[in-house]
Amino acid sequence: MVEHNKDEQLDHIFHALADTTRREMVRMIASHDRTVSELAEPFHMSLAAASKHIKVLERSGLLERSIQGRTHMCRLNPRTMSRAMEWLQFYERLWNVQFDALERELNKAKKEEH
């Protein structure tokens, strides 16, 4: 059951990151917290449209929203981003092992040729 929850969280993370606008929003909040208005402004979108993107990011856990008076502040949740990075790094290591083995075989074949 725990593995299913982890898979589901990864599904939400990669779904959220699949959209260009949401990736840009993540990039924006990586440097410092932003308001919903600040996140919407570069895209010339309504606050309602920006809010929909933000809700997807919240559902994935990439973004956390806090309310200060009437202002909604958004910040990056680095723990969630690290979950996605762990998953990607597993496959990076797997492919690096495969590429290293291929390189050894190609070097071996090259030496045998000469």
C-alpha atoms as a PDB file:
ATOM      1  CA  MET A   1       0.000   0.000   0.000  1.00  0.00           C
ATOM      2  CA  VAL A   2       2.842   2.396   0.783  1.00  0.00           C
ATOM      3  CA  GLU A   3       4.413   1.826  -2.670  1.00  0.00           C
ATOM      4  CA  HIS A   4       1.097   2.699  -4.321  1.00  0.00           C
ATOM      5  CA  ASN A   5       1.039   6.035  -2.453  1.00  0.00           C
ATOM      6  CA  LYS A   6       4.614   6.772  -3.564  1.00  0.00           C
ATOM      7  CA  ASP A   7       3.723   5.942  -7.167  1.00  0.00           C
ATOM      8  CA  GLU A   8       0.641   8.114  -6.960  1.00  0.00           C
ATOM      9  CA  GLN A   9       2.698  11.013  -5.589  1.00  0.00           C
ATOM     10  CA  LEU A  10       5.195  10.633  -8.437  1.00  0.00           C
ATOM     11  CA  ASP A  11       2.298  10.602 -10.918  1.00  0.00           C
ATOM     12  CA  HIS A  12       1.100  13.922  -9.489  1.00  0.00           C
ATOM     13  CA  ILE A  13       4.615  15.405  -9.502  1.00  0.00           C
ATOM     14  CA  PHE A  14       5.372  14.499 -13.105  1.00  0.00           C
ATOM     15  CA  HIS A  15       1.874  15.509 -14.222  1.00  0.00           C
ATOM     16  CA  ALA A  16       2.423  18.917 -12.618  1.00  0.00           C
ATOM     17  CA  LEU A  17       5.857  19.299 -14.214  1.00  0.00           C
ATOM     18  CA  ALA A  18       4.585  18.248 -17.639  1.00  0.00           C
ATOM     19  CA  ASP A  19       3.114  21.705 -18.184  1.00  0.00           C
ATOM     20  CA  THR A  20       5.398  24.560 -19.300  1.00  0.00           C
ATOM     21  CA  THR A  21       3.543  27.180 -17.258  1.00  0.00           C
ATOM     22  CA  ARG A  22       3.752  25.134 -14.069  1.00  0.00           C
ATOM     23  CA  ARG A  23       7.465  24.408 -14.618  1.00  0.00           C
ATOM     24  CA  GLU A  24       8.053  28.142 -14.944  1.00  0.00           C
ATOM     25  CA  MET A  25       6.052  28.759 -11.761  1.00  0.00           C
ATOM     26  CA  VAL A  26       8.227  26.207  -9.933  1.00  0.00           C
ATOM     27  CA  ARG A  27      11.337  27.955 -11.266  1.00  0.00           C
ATOM     28  CA  MET A  28       9.980  31.286 -10.029  1.00  0.00           C
ATOM     29  CA  ILE A  29       9.263  30.076  -6.497  1.00  0.00           C
ATOM     30  CA  ALA A  30      12.591  28.243  -6.284  1.00  0.00           C
ATOM     31  CA  SER A  31      14.374  31.565  -5.706  1.00  0.00           C
ATOM     32  CA  HIS A  32      11.844  32.998  -3.223  1.00  0.00           C
ATOM     33  CA  ASP A  33       8.199  32.877  -2.180  1.00  0.00           C
ATOM     34  CA  ARG A  34       5.721  34.511  -4.562  1.00  0.00           C
ATOM     35  CA  THR A  35       2.139  35.643  -4.407  1.00  0.00           C
ATOM     36  CA  VAL A  36      -0.472  34.187  -6.747  1.00  0.00           C
ATOM     37  CA  SER A  37      -0.489  37.552  -8.564  1.00  0.00           C
ATOM     38  CA  GLU A  38       3.295  37.403  -9.046  1.00  0.00           C
ATOM     39  CA  LEU A  39       3.015  33.885 -10.422  1.00  0.00           C
ATOM     40  CA  ALA A  40       0.223  34.882 -12.821  1.00  0.00           C
ATOM     41  CA  GLU A  41       1.795  38.126 -14.061  1.00  0.00           C
ATOM     42  CA  PRO A  42       4.443  36.828 -16.530  1.00  0.00           C
ATOM     43  CA  PHE A  43       1.820  34.691 -18.261  1.00  0.00           C
ATOM     44  CA  HIS A  44      -0.760  37.471 -18.613  1.00  0.00           C
ATOM     45  CA  MET A  45      -3.402  35.149 -17.187  1.00  0.00           C
ATOM     46  CA  SER A  46      -6.243  35.737 -14.796  1.00  0.00           C
ATOM     47  CA  LEU A  47      -5.839  34.938 -11.133  1.00  0.00           C
ATOM     48  CA  ALA A  48      -8.428  32.180 -11.608  1.00  0.00           C
ATOM     49  CA  ALA A  49      -6.326  30.529 -14.332  1.00  0.00           C
ATOM     50  CA  ALA A  50      -3.147  30.883 -12.263  1.00  0.00           C
ATOM     51  CA  SER A  51      -4.981  29.431  -9.283  1.00  0.00           C
ATOM     52  CA  LYS A  52      -5.835  26.303 -11.294  1.00  0.00           C
ATOM     53  CA  HIS A  53      -2.153  25.773 -12.084  1.00  0.00           C
ATOM     54  CA  ILE A  54      -1.236  26.414  -8.468  1.00  0.00           C
ATOM     55  CA  LYS A  55      -3.789  23.848  -7.285  1.00  0.00           C
ATOM     56  CA  VAL A  56      -2.161  21.214  -9.515  1.00  0.00           C
ATOM     57  CA  LEU A  57       1.229  22.116  -8.023  1.00  0.00           C
ATOM     58  CA  GLU A  58      -0.246  21.961  -4.520  1.00  0.00           C
ATOM     59  CA  ARG A  59      -1.845  18.558  -5.173  1.00  0.00           C
ATOM     60  CA  SER A  60       1.544  17.256  -6.272  1.00  0.00           C
ATOM     61  CA  GLY A  61       3.156  18.619  -3.119  1.00  0.00           C
ATOM     62  CA  LEU A  62       5.632  20.756  -5.080  1.00  0.00           C
ATOM     63  CA  LEU A  63       4.091  23.971  -3.837  1.00  0.00           C
ATOM     64  CA  GLU A  64       2.742  25.001  -0.462  1.00  0.00           C
ATOM     65  CA  ARG A  65       0.378  27.940  -0.111  1.00  0.00           C
ATOM     66  CA  SER A  66      -0.111  30.019   3.002  1.00  0.00           C
ATOM     67  CA  ILE A  67      -2.567  32.849   3.495  1.00  0.00           C
ATOM     68  CA  GLN A  68      -1.435  36.115   5.052  1.00  0.00           C
ATOM     69  CA  GLY A  69      -4.490  38.312   5.293  1.00  0.00           C
ATOM     70  CA  ARG A  70      -5.836  38.484   1.736  1.00  0.00           C
ATOM     71  CA  THR A  71      -2.516  37.497   0.181  1.00  0.00           C
ATOM     72  CA  HIS A  72      -1.822  33.924  -0.841  1.00  0.00           C
ATOM     73  CA  MET A  73       1.912  33.194  -0.623  1.00  0.00           C
ATOM     74  CA  CYS A  74       3.374  30.236  -2.534  1.00  0.00           C
ATOM     75  CA  ARG A  75       6.624  28.494  -1.716  1.00  0.00           C
ATOM     76  CA  LEU A  76       8.460  25.484  -3.058  1.00  0.00           C
ATOM     77  CA  ASN A  77       8.437  22.248  -1.071  1.00  0.00           C
ATOM     78  CA  PRO A  78      11.962  20.900  -1.662  1.00  0.00           C
ATOM     79  CA  ARG A  79      11.147  17.493  -0.125  1.00  0.00           C
ATOM     80  CA  THR A  80       8.712  16.761  -2.927  1.00  0.00           C
ATOM     81  CA  MET A  81      11.147  17.897  -5.587  1.00  0.00           C
ATOM     82  CA  SER A  82      13.781  15.617  -4.062  1.00  0.00           C
ATOM     83  CA  ARG A  83      11.355  12.646  -4.401  1.00  0.00           C
ATOM     84  CA  ALA A  84      11.224  13.246  -8.147  1.00  0.00           C
ATOM     85  CA  MET A  85      15.011  13.663  -8.263  1.00  0.00           C
ATOM     86  CA  GLU A  86      15.537  10.371  -6.413  1.00  0.00           C
ATOM     87  CA  TRP A  87      13.389   8.585  -8.972  1.00  0.00           C
ATOM     88  CA  LEU A  88      15.251  10.191 -11.884  1.00  0.00           C
ATOM     89  CA  GLN A  89      18.664   9.517 -10.319  1.00  0.00           C
ATOM     90  CA  PHE A  90      17.883   5.807 -10.023  1.00  0.00           C
ATOM     91  CA  TYR A  91      17.426   5.647 -13.793  1.00  0.00           C
ATOM     92  CA  GLU A  92      20.404   7.908 -14.391  1.00  0.00           C
ATOM     93  CA  ARG A  93      22.610   5.449 -12.465  1.00  0.00           C
ATOM     94  CA  LEU A  94      21.076   2.524 -14.351  1.00  0.00           C
ATOM     95  CA  TRP A  95      21.796   4.120 -17.740  1.00  0.00           C
ATOM     96  CA  ASN A  96      25.286   5.203 -16.676  1.00  0.00           C
ATOM     97  CA  VAL A  97      26.114   1.576 -15.857  1.00  0.00           C
ATOM     98  CA  GLN A  98      24.791   0.529 -19.263  1.00  0.00           C
ATOM     99  CA  PHE A  99      26.723   3.254 -21.097  1.00  0.00           C
ATOM    100  CA  ASP A 100      29.915   2.423 -19.176  1.00  0.00           C
ATOM    101  CA  ALA A 101      29.572  -1.230 -20.214  1.00  0.00           C
ATOM    102  CA  LEU A 102      28.988  -0.193 -23.824  1.00  0.00           C
ATOM    103  CA  GLU A 103      32.042   2.070 -23.733  1.00  0.00           C
ATOM    104  CA  ARG A 104      34.203  -0.784 -22.402  1.00  0.00           C
ATOM    105  CA  GLU A 105      32.982  -3.085 -25.180  1.00  0.00           C
ATOM    106  CA  LEU A 106      33.596  -0.464 -27.861  1.00  0.00           C
ATOM    107  CA  ASN A 107      37.105   0.220 -26.530  1.00  0.00           C
ATOM    108  CA  LYS A 108      37.783  -3.514 -26.404  1.00  0.00           C
ATOM    109  CA  ALA A 109      36.612  -3.927 -30.014  1.00  0.00           C
ATOM    110  CA  LYS A 110      38.706  -0.944 -31.105  1.00  0.00           C
ATOM    111  CA  LYS A 111      41.834  -2.459 -29.501  1.00  0.00           C
ATOM    112  CA  GLU A 112      41.178  -5.804 -31.167  1.00  0.00           C
ATOM    113  CA  GLU A 113      40.866  -4.051 -34.520  1.00  0.00           C
ATOM    114  CA  HIS A 114      44.361  -2.647 -34.244  1.00  0.00           C
END
